[in-house]
Amino acid sequence: MRRRREKKTSVRLGLDTITEALVLALMIVVFVMIFYSGIELEYKIAASVLVFGIIFLVATANQAVKQKEDVHRY
């Protein structure tokens, strides 16, 4: 039997370390913007939805790439 060496991934999103760090940094920036800025509530909500969408797209794209790699590997 041949063992495959898996890349270390996050438990929650399945992202690699660099991508996970960038996503966490983006989340921290949004939290700081939401709690410490003086902009209106509508803009805070819009920015939060935009960031959530970006994180969702990154996680979805990462999973699609992993599935494509698995298909080509076998």
PDB file of N, CA and C in Angstrom:
ATOM      1  N   MET A   1       0.818  -1.189   0.000  1.00  0.00           N
ATOM      2  CA  MET A   1       0.000   0.000   0.000  1.00  0.00           C
ATOM      3  C   MET A   1       0.860   1.251   0.000  1.00  0.00           C
ATOM      4  N   ARG A   2       0.415   2.184  -0.730  1.00  0.00           N
ATOM      5  CA  ARG A   2       1.156   3.441  -0.848  1.00  0.00           C
ATOM      6  C   ARG A   2       0.453   4.511  -0.034  1.00  0.00           C
ATOM      7  N   ARG A   3       1.187   5.143   0.846  1.00  0.00           N
ATOM      8  CA  ARG A   3       0.592   6.203   1.667  1.00  0.00           C
ATOM      9  C   ARG A   3       0.819   7.549   1.018  1.00  0.00           C
ATOM     10  N   ARG A   4      -0.226   8.335   1.035  1.00  0.00           N
ATOM     11  CA  ARG A   4      -0.109   9.693   0.507  1.00  0.00           C
ATOM     12  C   ARG A   4       0.186  10.636   1.649  1.00  0.00           C
ATOM     13  N   ARG A   5       0.982  11.604   1.363  1.00  0.00           N
ATOM     14  CA  ARG A   5       1.261  12.629   2.358  1.00  0.00           C
ATOM     15  C   ARG A   5       0.339  13.804   2.073  1.00  0.00           C
ATOM     16  N   GLU A   6      -0.527  14.079   3.009  1.00  0.00           N
ATOM     17  CA  GLU A   6      -1.502  15.150   2.855  1.00  0.00           C
ATOM     18  C   GLU A   6      -0.901  16.474   3.283  1.00  0.00           C
ATOM     19  N   LYS A   7      -1.308  17.528   2.616  1.00  0.00           N
ATOM     20  CA  LYS A   7      -0.924  18.859   3.055  1.00  0.00           C
ATOM     21  C   LYS A   7      -1.684  19.190   4.322  1.00  0.00           C
ATOM     22  N   LYS A   8      -1.033  19.947   5.206  1.00  0.00           N
ATOM     23  CA  LYS A   8      -1.740  20.365   6.412  1.00  0.00           C
ATOM     24  C   LYS A   8      -2.808  21.372   6.030  1.00  0.00           C
ATOM     25  N   THR A   9      -4.008  21.116   6.493  1.00  0.00           N
ATOM     26  CA  THR A   9      -5.107  22.018   6.194  1.00  0.00           C
ATOM     27  C   THR A   9      -5.818  22.396   7.472  1.00  0.00           C
ATOM     28  N   SER A  10      -6.595  23.444   7.364  1.00  0.00           N
ATOM     29  CA  SER A  10      -7.400  23.888   8.481  1.00  0.00           C
ATOM     30  C   SER A  10      -8.541  22.911   8.696  1.00  0.00           C
ATOM     31  N   VAL A  11      -8.969  22.806   9.930  1.00  0.00           N
ATOM     32  CA  VAL A  11     -10.062  21.903  10.251  1.00  0.00           C
ATOM     33  C   VAL A  11     -11.373  22.442   9.709  1.00  0.00           C
ATOM     34  N   ARG A  12     -11.557  23.737   9.722  1.00  0.00           N
ATOM     35  CA  ARG A  12     -12.858  24.306   9.384  1.00  0.00           C
ATOM     36  C   ARG A  12     -13.056  24.508   7.882  1.00  0.00           C
ATOM     37  N   LEU A  13     -12.135  25.183   7.237  1.00  0.00           N
ATOM     38  CA  LEU A  13     -12.336  25.527   5.828  1.00  0.00           C
ATOM     39  C   LEU A  13     -11.557  24.642   4.869  1.00  0.00           C
ATOM     40  N   GLY A  14     -10.576  23.938   5.344  1.00  0.00           N
ATOM     41  CA  GLY A  14      -9.772  23.120   4.464  1.00  0.00           C
ATOM     42  C   GLY A  14      -8.771  23.926   3.657  1.00  0.00           C
ATOM     43  N   LEU A  15      -8.418  25.098   4.130  1.00  0.00           N
ATOM     44  CA  LEU A  15      -7.490  25.966   3.411  1.00  0.00           C
ATOM     45  C   LEU A  15      -6.062  25.685   3.839  1.00  0.00           C
ATOM     46  N   ASP A  16      -5.115  26.033   2.982  1.00  0.00           N
ATOM     47  CA  ASP A  16      -3.729  25.913   3.395  1.00  0.00           C
ATOM     48  C   ASP A  16      -3.386  27.066   4.346  1.00  0.00           C
ATOM     49  N   THR A  17      -2.203  27.043   4.894  1.00  0.00           N
ATOM     50  CA  THR A  17      -1.835  27.967   5.966  1.00  0.00           C
ATOM     51  C   THR A  17      -1.835  29.420   5.518  1.00  0.00           C
ATOM     52  N   ILE A  18      -1.296  29.702   4.358  1.00  0.00           N
ATOM     53  CA  ILE A  18      -1.210  31.085   3.889  1.00  0.00           C
ATOM     54  C   ILE A  18      -2.595  31.647   3.607  1.00  0.00           C
ATOM     55  N   THR A  19      -3.425  30.879   2.944  1.00  0.00           N
ATOM     56  CA  THR A  19      -4.780  31.332   2.631  1.00  0.00           C
ATOM     57  C   THR A  19      -5.583  31.527   3.905  1.00  0.00           C
ATOM     58  N   GLU A  20      -5.415  30.636   4.855  1.00  0.00           N
ATOM     59  CA  GLU A  20      -6.123  30.774   6.119  1.00  0.00           C
ATOM     60  C   GLU A  20      -5.682  32.035   6.858  1.00  0.00           C
ATOM     61  N   ALA A  21      -4.394  32.343   6.823  1.00  0.00           N
ATOM     62  CA  ALA A  21      -3.908  33.561   7.469  1.00  0.00           C
ATOM     63  C   ALA A  21      -4.486  34.811   6.808  1.00  0.00           C
ATOM     64  N   LEU A  22      -4.572  34.802   5.484  1.00  0.00           N
ATOM     65  CA  LEU A  22      -5.151  35.948   4.778  1.00  0.00           C
ATOM     66  C   LEU A  22      -6.632  36.109   5.086  1.00  0.00           C
ATOM     67  N   VAL A  23      -7.358  35.009   5.176  1.00  0.00           N
ATOM     68  CA  VAL A  23      -8.784  35.071   5.515  1.00  0.00           C
ATOM     69  C   VAL A  23      -8.963  35.599   6.935  1.00  0.00           C
ATOM     70  N   LEU A  24      -8.152  35.127   7.867  1.00  0.00           N
ATOM     71  CA  LEU A  24      -8.245  35.620   9.243  1.00  0.00           C
ATOM     72  C   LEU A  24      -7.899  37.101   9.336  1.00  0.00           C
ATOM     73  N   ALA A  25      -6.905  37.538   8.581  1.00  0.00           N
ATOM     74  CA  ALA A  25      -6.561  38.961   8.573  1.00  0.00           C
ATOM     75  C   ALA A  25      -7.711  39.793   8.020  1.00  0.00           C
ATOM     76  N   LEU A  26      -8.347  39.302   6.978  1.00  0.00           N
ATOM     77  CA  LEU A  26      -9.502  40.002   6.412  1.00  0.00           C
ATOM     78  C   LEU A  26     -10.631  40.090   7.427  1.00  0.00           C
ATOM     79  N   MET A  27     -10.859  39.029   8.164  1.00  0.00           N
ATOM     80  CA  MET A  27     -11.904  39.044   9.188  1.00  0.00           C
ATOM     81  C   MET A  27     -11.576  40.033  10.301  1.00  0.00           C
ATOM     82  N   ILE A  28     -10.334  40.095  10.718  1.00  0.00           N
ATOM     83  CA  ILE A  28      -9.934  41.028  11.777  1.00  0.00           C
ATOM     84  C   ILE A  28     -10.113  42.466  11.319  1.00  0.00           C
ATOM     85  N   VAL A  29      -9.731  42.749  10.084  1.00  0.00           N
ATOM     86  CA  VAL A  29      -9.898  44.109   9.547  1.00  0.00           C
ATOM     87  C   VAL A  29     -11.370  44.497   9.531  1.00  0.00           C
ATOM     88  N   VAL A  30     -12.228  43.574   9.143  1.00  0.00           N
ATOM     89  CA  VAL A  30     -13.664  43.877   9.109  1.00  0.00           C
ATOM     90  C   VAL A  30     -14.200  44.090  10.517  1.00  0.00           C
ATOM     91  N   PHE A  31     -13.787  43.271  11.472  1.00  0.00           N
ATOM     92  CA  PHE A  31     -14.259  43.461  12.844  1.00  0.00           C
ATOM     93  C   PHE A  31     -13.826  44.814  13.401  1.00  0.00           C
ATOM     94  N   VAL A  32     -12.591  45.196  13.127  1.00  0.00           N
ATOM     95  CA  VAL A  32     -12.116  46.506  13.582  1.00  0.00           C
ATOM     96  C   VAL A  32     -12.915  47.606  12.911  1.00  0.00           C
ATOM     97  N   MET A  33     -13.173  47.451  11.617  1.00  0.00           N
ATOM     98  CA  MET A  33     -13.950  48.456  10.900  1.00  0.00           C
ATOM     99  C   MET A  33     -15.364  48.569  11.465  1.00  0.00           C
ATOM    100  N   ILE A  34     -15.958  47.436  11.783  1.00  0.00           N
ATOM    101  CA  ILE A  34     -17.340  47.449  12.268  1.00  0.00           C
ATOM    102  C   ILE A  34     -17.434  48.099  13.651  1.00  0.00           C
ATOM    103  N   PHE A  35     -16.546  47.746  14.534  1.00  0.00           N
ATOM    104  CA  PHE A  35     -16.674  48.205  15.920  1.00  0.00           C
ATOM    105  C   PHE A  35     -16.058  49.566  16.195  1.00  0.00           C
ATOM    106  N   TYR A  36     -15.040  49.970  15.446  1.00  0.00           N
ATOM    107  CA  TYR A  36     -14.320  51.195  15.794  1.00  0.00           C
ATOM    108  C   TYR A  36     -14.432  52.313  14.767  1.00  0.00           C
ATOM    109  N   SER A  37     -15.201  52.116  13.728  1.00  0.00           N
ATOM    110  CA  SER A  37     -15.326  53.189  12.747  1.00  0.00           C
ATOM    111  C   SER A  37     -16.646  53.917  12.947  1.00  0.00           C
ATOM    112  N   GLY A  38     -16.699  55.110  12.411  1.00  0.00           N
ATOM    113  CA  GLY A  38     -17.896  55.910  12.557  1.00  0.00           C
ATOM    114  C   GLY A  38     -18.779  55.903  11.326  1.00  0.00           C
ATOM    115  N   ILE A  39     -18.666  54.890  10.482  1.00  0.00           N
ATOM    116  CA  ILE A  39     -19.488  54.866   9.278  1.00  0.00           C
ATOM    117  C   ILE A  39     -20.894  54.361   9.613  1.00  0.00           C
ATOM    118  N   GLU A  40     -21.800  54.582   8.704  1.00  0.00           N
ATOM    119  CA  GLU A  40     -23.191  54.217   8.939  1.00  0.00           C
ATOM    120  C   GLU A  40     -23.382  52.709   8.935  1.00  0.00           C
ATOM    121  N   LEU A  41     -24.475  52.287   9.561  1.00  0.00           N
ATOM    122  CA  LEU A  41     -24.766  50.867   9.725  1.00  0.00           C
ATOM    123  C   LEU A  41     -24.916  50.146   8.385  1.00  0.00           C
ATOM    124  N   GLU A  42     -25.512  50.800   7.400  1.00  0.00           N
ATOM    125  CA  GLU A  42     -25.710  50.156   6.101  1.00  0.00           C
ATOM    126  C   GLU A  42     -24.383  49.780   5.453  1.00  0.00           C
ATOM    127  N   TYR A  43     -23.383  50.655   5.579  1.00  0.00           N
ATOM    128  CA  TYR A  43     -22.069  50.372   5.009  1.00  0.00           C
ATOM    129  C   TYR A  43     -21.367  49.250   5.769  1.00  0.00           C
ATOM    130  N   LYS A  44     -21.564  49.212   7.073  1.00  0.00           N
ATOM    131  CA  LYS A  44     -20.980  48.131   7.863  1.00  0.00           C
ATOM    132  C   LYS A  44     -21.575  46.786   7.458  1.00  0.00           C
ATOM    133  N   ILE A  45     -22.891  46.765   7.257  1.00  0.00           N
ATOM    134  CA  ILE A  45     -23.551  45.526   6.844  1.00  0.00           C
ATOM    135  C   ILE A  45     -23.090  45.116   5.448  1.00  0.00           C
ATOM    136  N   ALA A  46     -23.002  46.075   4.549  1.00  0.00           N
ATOM    137  CA  ALA A  46     -22.563  45.772   3.180  1.00  0.00           C
ATOM    138  C   ALA A  46     -21.130  45.233   3.170  1.00  0.00           C
ATOM    139  N   ALA A  47     -20.250  45.829   3.944  1.00  0.00           N
ATOM    140  CA  ALA A  47     -18.866  45.356   4.003  1.00  0.00           C
ATOM    141  C   ALA A  47     -18.801  43.955   4.597  1.00  0.00           C
ATOM    142  N   SER A  48     -19.602  43.700   5.610  1.00  0.00           N
ATOM    143  CA  SER A  48     -19.618  42.372   6.225  1.00  0.00           C
ATOM    144  C   SER A  48     -20.107  41.311   5.245  1.00  0.00           C
ATOM    145  N   VAL A  49     -21.150  41.625   4.503  1.00  0.00           N
ATOM    146  CA  VAL A  49     -21.674  40.683   3.506  1.00  0.00           C
ATOM    147  C   VAL A  49     -20.639  40.448   2.404  1.00  0.00           C
ATOM    148  N   LEU A  50     -19.965  41.496   1.979  1.00  0.00           N
ATOM    149  CA  LEU A  50     -18.928  41.365   0.954  1.00  0.00           C
ATOM    150  C   LEU A  50     -17.792  40.467   1.432  1.00  0.00           C
ATOM    151  N   VAL A  51     -17.339  40.666   2.655  1.00  0.00           N
ATOM    152  CA  VAL A  51     -16.251  39.850   3.190  1.00  0.00           C
ATOM    153  C   VAL A  51     -16.692  38.398   3.360  1.00  0.00           C
ATOM    154  N   PHE A  52     -17.909  38.180   3.844  1.00  0.00           N
ATOM    155  CA  PHE A  52     -18.410  36.817   3.962  1.00  0.00           C
ATOM    156  C   PHE A  52     -18.459  36.151   2.587  1.00  0.00           C
ATOM    157  N   GLY A  53     -18.883  36.894   1.584  1.00  0.00           N
ATOM    158  CA  GLY A  53     -18.923  36.344   0.229  1.00  0.00           C
ATOM    159  C   GLY A  53     -17.541  35.988  -0.288  1.00  0.00           C
ATOM    160  N   ILE A  54     -16.569  36.828  -0.017  1.00  0.00           N
ATOM    161  CA  ILE A  54     -15.191  36.552  -0.444  1.00  0.00           C
ATOM    162  C   ILE A  54     -14.666  35.295   0.232  1.00  0.00           C
ATOM    163  N   ILE A  55     -14.898  35.167   1.536  1.00  0.00           N
ATOM    164  CA  ILE A  55     -14.434  33.991   2.266  1.00  0.00           C
ATOM    165  C   ILE A  55     -15.122  32.731   1.738  1.00  0.00           C
ATOM    166  N   PHE A  56     -16.411  32.822   1.468  1.00  0.00           N
ATOM    167  CA  PHE A  56     -17.149  31.678   0.923  1.00  0.00           C
ATOM    168  C   PHE A  56     -16.608  31.282  -0.443  1.00  0.00           C
ATOM    169  N   LEU A  57     -16.340  32.260  -1.298  1.00  0.00           N
ATOM    170  CA  LEU A  57     -15.812  31.954  -2.631  1.00  0.00           C
ATOM    171  C   LEU A  57     -14.414  31.345  -2.557  1.00  0.00           C
ATOM    172  N   VAL A  58     -13.584  31.844  -1.648  1.00  0.00           N
ATOM    173  CA  VAL A  58     -12.238  31.288  -1.492  1.00  0.00           C
ATOM    174  C   VAL A  58     -12.321  29.829  -1.042  1.00  0.00           C
ATOM    175  N   ALA A  59     -13.177  29.539  -0.067  1.00  0.00           N
ATOM    176  CA  ALA A  59     -13.314  28.169   0.422  1.00  0.00           C
ATOM    177  C   ALA A  59     -13.870  27.256  -0.673  1.00  0.00           C
ATOM    178  N   THR A  60     -14.848  27.749  -1.435  1.00  0.00           N
ATOM    179  CA  THR A  60     -15.431  26.947  -2.508  1.00  0.00           C
ATOM    180  C   THR A  60     -14.417  26.679  -3.618  1.00  0.00           C
ATOM    181  N   ALA A  61     -13.675  27.702  -4.002  1.00  0.00           N
ATOM    182  CA  ALA A  61     -12.653  27.520  -5.043  1.00  0.00           C
ATOM    183  C   ALA A  61     -11.566  26.559  -4.585  1.00  0.00           C
ATOM    184  N   ASN A  62     -11.188  26.648  -3.329  1.00  0.00           N
ATOM    185  CA  ASN A  62     -10.165  25.754  -2.798  1.00  0.00           C
ATOM    186  C   ASN A  62     -10.641  24.303  -2.826  1.00  0.00           C
ATOM    187  N   GLN A  63     -11.875  24.072  -2.455  1.00  0.00           N
ATOM    188  CA  GLN A  63     -12.411  22.712  -2.501  1.00  0.00           C
ATOM    189  C   GLN A  63     -12.507  22.198  -3.937  1.00  0.00           C
ATOM    190  N   ALA A  64     -12.872  23.071  -4.874  1.00  0.00           N
ATOM    191  CA  ALA A  64     -12.952  22.658  -6.280  1.00  0.00           C
ATOM    192  C   ALA A  64     -11.577  22.261  -6.810  1.00  0.00           C
ATOM    193  N   VAL A  65     -10.559  23.018  -6.445  1.00  0.00           N
ATOM    194  CA  VAL A  65      -9.194  22.694  -6.879  1.00  0.00           C
ATOM    195  C   VAL A  65      -8.749  21.366  -6.281  1.00  0.00           C
ATOM    196  N   LYS A  66      -9.060  21.149  -4.999  1.00  0.00           N
ATOM    197  CA  LYS A  66      -8.689  19.877  -4.369  1.00  0.00           C
ATOM    198  C   LYS A  66      -9.387  18.700  -5.037  1.00  0.00           C
ATOM    199  N   GLN A  67     -10.663  18.855  -5.360  1.00  0.00           N
ATOM    200  CA  GLN A  67     -11.380  17.771  -6.025  1.00  0.00           C
ATOM    201  C   GLN A  67     -10.812  17.500  -7.409  1.00  0.00           C
ATOM    202  N   LYS A  68     -10.449  18.551  -8.118  1.00  0.00           N
ATOM    203  CA  LYS A  68      -9.873  18.365  -9.452  1.00  0.00           C
ATOM    204  C   LYS A  68      -8.521  17.658  -9.358  1.00  0.00           C
ATOM    205  N   GLU A  69      -7.718  18.017  -8.347  1.00  0.00           N
ATOM    206  CA  GLU A  69      -6.433  17.348  -8.153  1.00  0.00           C
ATOM    207  C   GLU A  69      -6.635  15.874  -7.822  1.00  0.00           C
ATOM    208  N   ASP A  70      -7.634  15.574  -7.004  1.00  0.00           N
ATOM    209  CA  ASP A  70      -7.905  14.181  -6.654  1.00  0.00           C
ATOM    210  C   ASP A  70      -8.350  13.376  -7.862  1.00  0.00           C
ATOM    211  N   VAL A  71      -9.136  13.963  -8.745  1.00  0.00           N
ATOM    212  CA  VAL A  71      -9.597  13.271  -9.944  1.00  0.00           C
ATOM    213  C   VAL A  71      -8.422  12.978 -10.868  1.00  0.00           C
ATOM    214  N   HIS A  72      -7.513  13.920 -11.011  1.00  0.00           N
ATOM    215  CA  HIS A  72      -6.368  13.731 -11.922  1.00  0.00           C
ATOM    216  C   HIS A  72      -5.309  12.832 -11.308  1.00  0.00           C
ATOM    217  N   ARG A  73      -5.325  12.703  -9.998  1.00  0.00           N
ATOM    218  CA  ARG A  73      -4.312  11.891  -9.337  1.00  0.00           C
ATOM    219  C   ARG A  73      -4.567  10.405  -9.567  1.00  0.00           C
ATOM    220  N   TYR A  74      -5.823  10.001  -9.680  1.00  0.00           N
ATOM    221  CA  TYR A  74      -6.153   8.578  -9.809  1.00  0.00           C
ATOM    222  C   TYR A  74      -6.518   8.196 -11.193  1.00  0.00           C
TER     223      TYR A  74
END
